[in-house]
Protein backbone atom coordinates (compact mmCIF):
# COMPACT_ATOMS: atom_id res chain seq x y z
CA UNK A 1 -76.49 -2.54 -129.72
CA UNK A 2 -77.84 -3.48 -126.95
CA UNK A 3 -77.26 -2.16 -123.52
CA UNK A 4 -75.62 -3.49 -121.08
CA UNK A 5 -77.64 -5.43 -118.28
CA UNK A 6 -76.95 -5.05 -114.91
CA UNK A 7 -78.39 -6.52 -111.91
CA UNK A 8 -81.07 -5.62 -110.44
CA UNK A 9 -80.42 -4.99 -106.46
CA UNK A 10 -82.97 -5.91 -104.04
CA UNK A 11 -85.35 -3.83 -103.28
CA UNK A 12 -85.69 -2.75 -99.77
CA UNK A 13 -88.52 -3.63 -97.30
CA UNK A 14 -90.36 -0.80 -96.07
CA UNK A 15 -88.64 -1.10 -92.83
CA UNK A 16 -85.54 -0.09 -94.81
CA UNK A 17 -84.11 -3.83 -95.08
CA UNK A 18 -83.41 -5.85 -98.32
CA UNK A 19 -85.97 -8.21 -99.25
CA UNK A 20 -84.86 -12.00 -99.35
CA UNK A 21 -84.05 -12.77 -103.20
CA UNK A 22 -87.24 -14.91 -103.87
CA UNK A 23 -86.20 -17.71 -106.42
CA UNK A 24 -83.26 -18.50 -103.01
CA UNK A 25 -86.53 -19.44 -101.11
CA UNK A 26 -87.94 -21.81 -103.86
CA UNK A 27 -85.06 -23.18 -104.28
CA UNK A 28 -84.39 -24.44 -100.74
CA UNK A 29 -85.43 -27.71 -99.03
CA UNK A 30 -84.87 -28.67 -95.49
CA UNK A 31 -83.13 -31.31 -94.41
CA UNK A 32 -85.55 -34.85 -94.42
CA UNK A 33 -86.17 -36.47 -90.93
CA UNK A 34 -85.25 -40.19 -91.00
CA UNK A 35 -88.32 -41.72 -91.38
CA UNK A 36 -89.69 -44.41 -88.16
CA UNK A 37 -89.94 -47.14 -90.83
CA UNK A 38 -86.17 -46.81 -91.65
CA UNK A 39 -85.13 -46.87 -88.08
CA UNK A 40 -86.86 -49.87 -87.10
CA UNK A 41 -85.31 -51.70 -89.84
CA UNK A 42 -82.03 -50.28 -88.67
CA UNK A 43 -83.10 -52.06 -85.59
CA UNK A 44 -84.05 -54.84 -86.61
CA UNK A 45 -80.98 -55.47 -88.84
CA UNK A 46 -78.61 -54.95 -85.78
CA UNK A 47 -80.66 -57.19 -83.57
CA UNK A 48 -79.94 -59.94 -86.46
CA UNK A 49 -76.87 -59.45 -86.47
CA UNK A 50 -76.66 -59.73 -82.57
CA UNK A 51 -78.26 -62.75 -82.67
CA UNK A 52 -76.43 -64.40 -85.24
CA UNK A 53 -72.91 -63.53 -83.77
CA UNK A 54 -74.31 -65.28 -80.31
CA UNK A 55 -75.30 -68.68 -82.28
CA UNK A 56 -71.86 -68.54 -83.91
CA UNK A 57 -70.04 -68.25 -80.83
CA UNK A 58 -72.18 -71.28 -79.18
CA UNK A 59 -71.65 -73.33 -82.19
CA UNK A 60 -68.02 -72.81 -81.63
CA UNK A 61 -67.90 -73.45 -78.03
CA UNK A 62 -69.69 -77.03 -77.69
CA UNK A 63 -69.81 -77.72 -81.75
CA UNK A 64 -73.10 -77.61 -83.42
CA UNK A 65 -76.68 -78.16 -82.83
CA UNK A 66 -76.39 -81.68 -82.44
CA UNK A 67 -73.71 -81.76 -80.28
CA UNK A 68 -75.36 -79.61 -77.80
CA UNK A 69 -78.52 -81.88 -77.33
CA UNK A 70 -76.19 -84.72 -76.79
CA UNK A 71 -74.30 -82.91 -74.09
CA UNK A 72 -77.90 -81.82 -72.53
CA UNK A 73 -78.92 -85.64 -72.35
CA UNK A 74 -75.92 -86.80 -70.51
CA UNK A 75 -75.94 -84.03 -68.04
CA UNK A 76 -79.68 -85.19 -67.46
CA UNK A 77 -78.50 -88.43 -67.22
CA UNK A 78 -75.68 -87.79 -64.95
CA UNK A 79 -78.73 -85.70 -62.72
CA UNK A 80 -80.53 -88.71 -62.85
CA UNK A 81 -78.12 -90.89 -61.09
CA UNK A 82 -77.49 -88.39 -58.38
CA UNK A 83 -81.43 -88.31 -57.81
CA UNK A 84 -80.94 -92.50 -57.74
CA UNK A 85 -77.81 -91.90 -55.52
CA UNK A 86 -80.07 -89.68 -53.15
CA UNK A 87 -82.83 -92.94 -52.69
CA UNK A 88 -79.67 -94.84 -51.89
CA UNK A 89 -79.20 -92.18 -48.64
CA UNK A 90 -82.48 -92.35 -47.48
CA UNK A 91 -83.15 -95.96 -47.49
CA UNK A 92 -83.47 -96.90 -43.65
CA UNK A 93 -82.42 -100.48 -44.31
CA UNK A 94 -79.45 -99.86 -46.18
CA UNK A 95 -76.01 -100.63 -44.69
CA UNK A 96 -73.22 -98.07 -43.29
CA UNK A 97 -70.93 -98.81 -46.90
CA UNK A 98 -74.33 -98.30 -49.20
CA UNK A 99 -74.69 -95.53 -47.31
CA UNK A 100 -71.56 -93.92 -47.90
CA UNK A 101 -71.70 -95.21 -51.49
CA UNK A 102 -74.98 -93.46 -52.25
CA UNK A 103 -73.33 -90.18 -50.74
CA UNK A 104 -69.75 -90.23 -52.55
CA UNK A 105 -72.05 -90.74 -55.94
CA UNK A 106 -74.47 -87.92 -55.39
CA UNK A 107 -71.84 -85.67 -54.46
CA UNK A 108 -69.31 -86.32 -56.82
CA UNK A 109 -72.01 -86.96 -59.81
CA UNK A 110 -73.51 -83.65 -58.71
CA UNK A 111 -69.86 -82.00 -59.77
CA UNK A 112 -70.31 -84.16 -63.37
CA UNK A 113 -73.62 -82.30 -63.52
CA UNK A 114 -72.32 -78.43 -63.22
CA UNK A 115 -69.57 -79.60 -65.12
CA UNK A 116 -72.00 -80.40 -68.41
CA UNK A 117 -74.21 -77.33 -67.48
CA UNK A 118 -71.32 -74.98 -67.59
CA UNK A 119 -70.74 -75.79 -71.44
CA UNK A 120 -74.42 -75.77 -72.32
CA UNK A 121 -76.85 -74.29 -69.42
CA UNK A 122 -78.88 -75.53 -66.65
CA UNK A 123 -81.30 -77.91 -67.51
CA UNK A 124 -84.89 -77.67 -67.68
CA UNK A 125 -87.55 -80.08 -65.74
CA UNK A 126 -89.02 -81.28 -68.92
CA UNK A 127 -85.12 -83.01 -69.72
CA UNK A 128 -84.80 -84.05 -66.28
CA UNK A 129 -88.25 -85.68 -66.18
CA UNK A 130 -87.39 -87.63 -69.78
CA UNK A 131 -84.45 -88.95 -68.15
CA UNK A 132 -85.68 -90.21 -65.02
CA UNK A 133 -84.96 -94.53 -64.98
CA UNK A 134 -88.26 -95.76 -63.25
CA UNK A 135 -87.50 -98.77 -63.89
CA UNK A 136 -84.47 -98.09 -61.26
CA UNK A 137 -86.77 -97.15 -59.01
CA UNK A 138 -89.19 -99.95 -58.98
CA UNK A 139 -85.85 -101.89 -58.20
CA UNK A 140 -85.05 -100.19 -55.41
CA UNK A 141 -88.57 -100.27 -53.84
CA UNK A 142 -88.59 -103.89 -54.35
CA UNK A 143 -84.75 -104.65 -52.59
CA UNK A 144 -86.16 -102.12 -49.72
CA UNK A 145 -88.90 -104.60 -49.23
CA UNK A 146 -87.19 -107.60 -49.45
CA UNK A 147 -84.23 -106.70 -47.68
CA UNK A 148 -81.51 -106.85 -50.40
CA UNK A 149 -81.03 -103.33 -51.59
CA UNK A 150 -77.40 -103.36 -50.55
CA UNK A 151 -77.10 -106.14 -53.19
CA UNK A 152 -79.35 -104.24 -56.10
CA UNK A 153 -78.20 -100.65 -54.99
CA UNK A 154 -74.39 -101.00 -56.39
CA UNK A 155 -75.92 -103.44 -59.51
CA UNK A 156 -77.92 -100.68 -60.51
CA UNK A 157 -75.22 -97.51 -60.08
CA UNK A 158 -72.84 -99.60 -61.98
CA UNK A 159 -74.93 -100.47 -65.02
CA UNK A 160 -76.07 -97.11 -64.69
CA UNK A 161 -72.69 -95.32 -64.64
CA UNK A 162 -71.15 -97.83 -66.94
CA UNK A 163 -73.80 -96.92 -70.06
CA UNK A 164 -72.86 -93.06 -69.26
CA UNK A 165 -69.27 -93.59 -69.34
CA UNK A 166 -70.09 -94.93 -72.98
CA UNK A 167 -72.28 -92.44 -74.04
CA UNK A 168 -69.41 -89.70 -73.24
CA UNK A 169 -66.71 -91.56 -74.81
CA UNK A 170 -68.93 -91.63 -78.04
CA UNK A 171 -69.54 -88.20 -77.68
CA UNK A 172 -65.74 -87.38 -77.06
CA UNK A 173 -64.88 -89.04 -80.54
CA UNK A 174 -67.48 -86.86 -82.17
CA UNK A 175 -66.26 -83.23 -81.20
CA UNK A 176 -63.32 -81.10 -82.18
CA UNK A 177 -63.78 -78.67 -79.32
CA UNK A 178 -60.85 -78.76 -76.76
CA UNK A 179 -63.07 -77.58 -73.91
CA UNK A 180 -65.72 -79.92 -74.25
CA UNK A 181 -63.45 -82.94 -74.61
CA UNK A 182 -61.46 -81.52 -71.37
CA UNK A 183 -64.97 -81.53 -69.97
CA UNK A 184 -65.92 -85.25 -71.16
CA UNK A 185 -62.60 -86.50 -69.83
CA UNK A 186 -63.32 -85.41 -66.06
CA UNK A 187 -66.75 -86.45 -65.87
CA UNK A 188 -65.21 -90.04 -67.33
CA UNK A 189 -62.72 -90.26 -65.09
CA UNK A 190 -64.96 -89.07 -61.94
CA UNK A 191 -67.70 -91.97 -63.45
CA UNK A 192 -64.96 -94.31 -63.65
CA UNK A 193 -63.84 -94.00 -60.08
CA UNK A 194 -67.55 -94.12 -58.85
CA UNK A 195 -67.81 -97.58 -61.08
CA UNK A 196 -64.83 -99.15 -58.95
CA UNK A 197 -66.74 -97.87 -55.77
CA UNK A 198 -69.49 -99.79 -56.62
CA UNK A 199 -67.67 -103.34 -56.73
CA UNK A 200 -65.78 -102.68 -53.70
CA UNK A 201 -68.99 -102.55 -52.03
CA UNK A 202 -70.65 -105.72 -53.72
CA UNK A 203 -67.30 -107.37 -52.86
């Protein structure tokens, strides 16, 4: 019969303290630090989620990329109407009624631009440049030289406002976003009042 085996106690060190178990030291593993590459991937993932949320939010507010581009174009067209109105204000040989009409279009048109910009943000210089109606500029220059500005100015402004309102109405039918619809209605109604004002000056 084999003699009963008993665990061997740890041998004391020369200073009298027990020595650590060698097997325990071999099996011990220090916790691994998160590698830098893994942390970078986590940050990139978080940024991607945030950007996706922002995109979905803008899509929900406005109604999609195509709708946004249309709103921006309408805002640029409205801003160009303000630019043309400012020409009317600065033309010396225009009558007082024409100056008053130009001032009204400039003020109300500016409010319309801000309303549209509240939906899609401020316009860039390139967008404004693309919307510039150079043919209207030419007509104004000729009218100022031939003393026909009081007749030409309201005609040009009525045409510009009527065309813009047609585009506003078309976009209104395309979108289901209630906030955008409210803005389009307000801008449309303001322009409708301006169209009536142009007719009054011509008469």
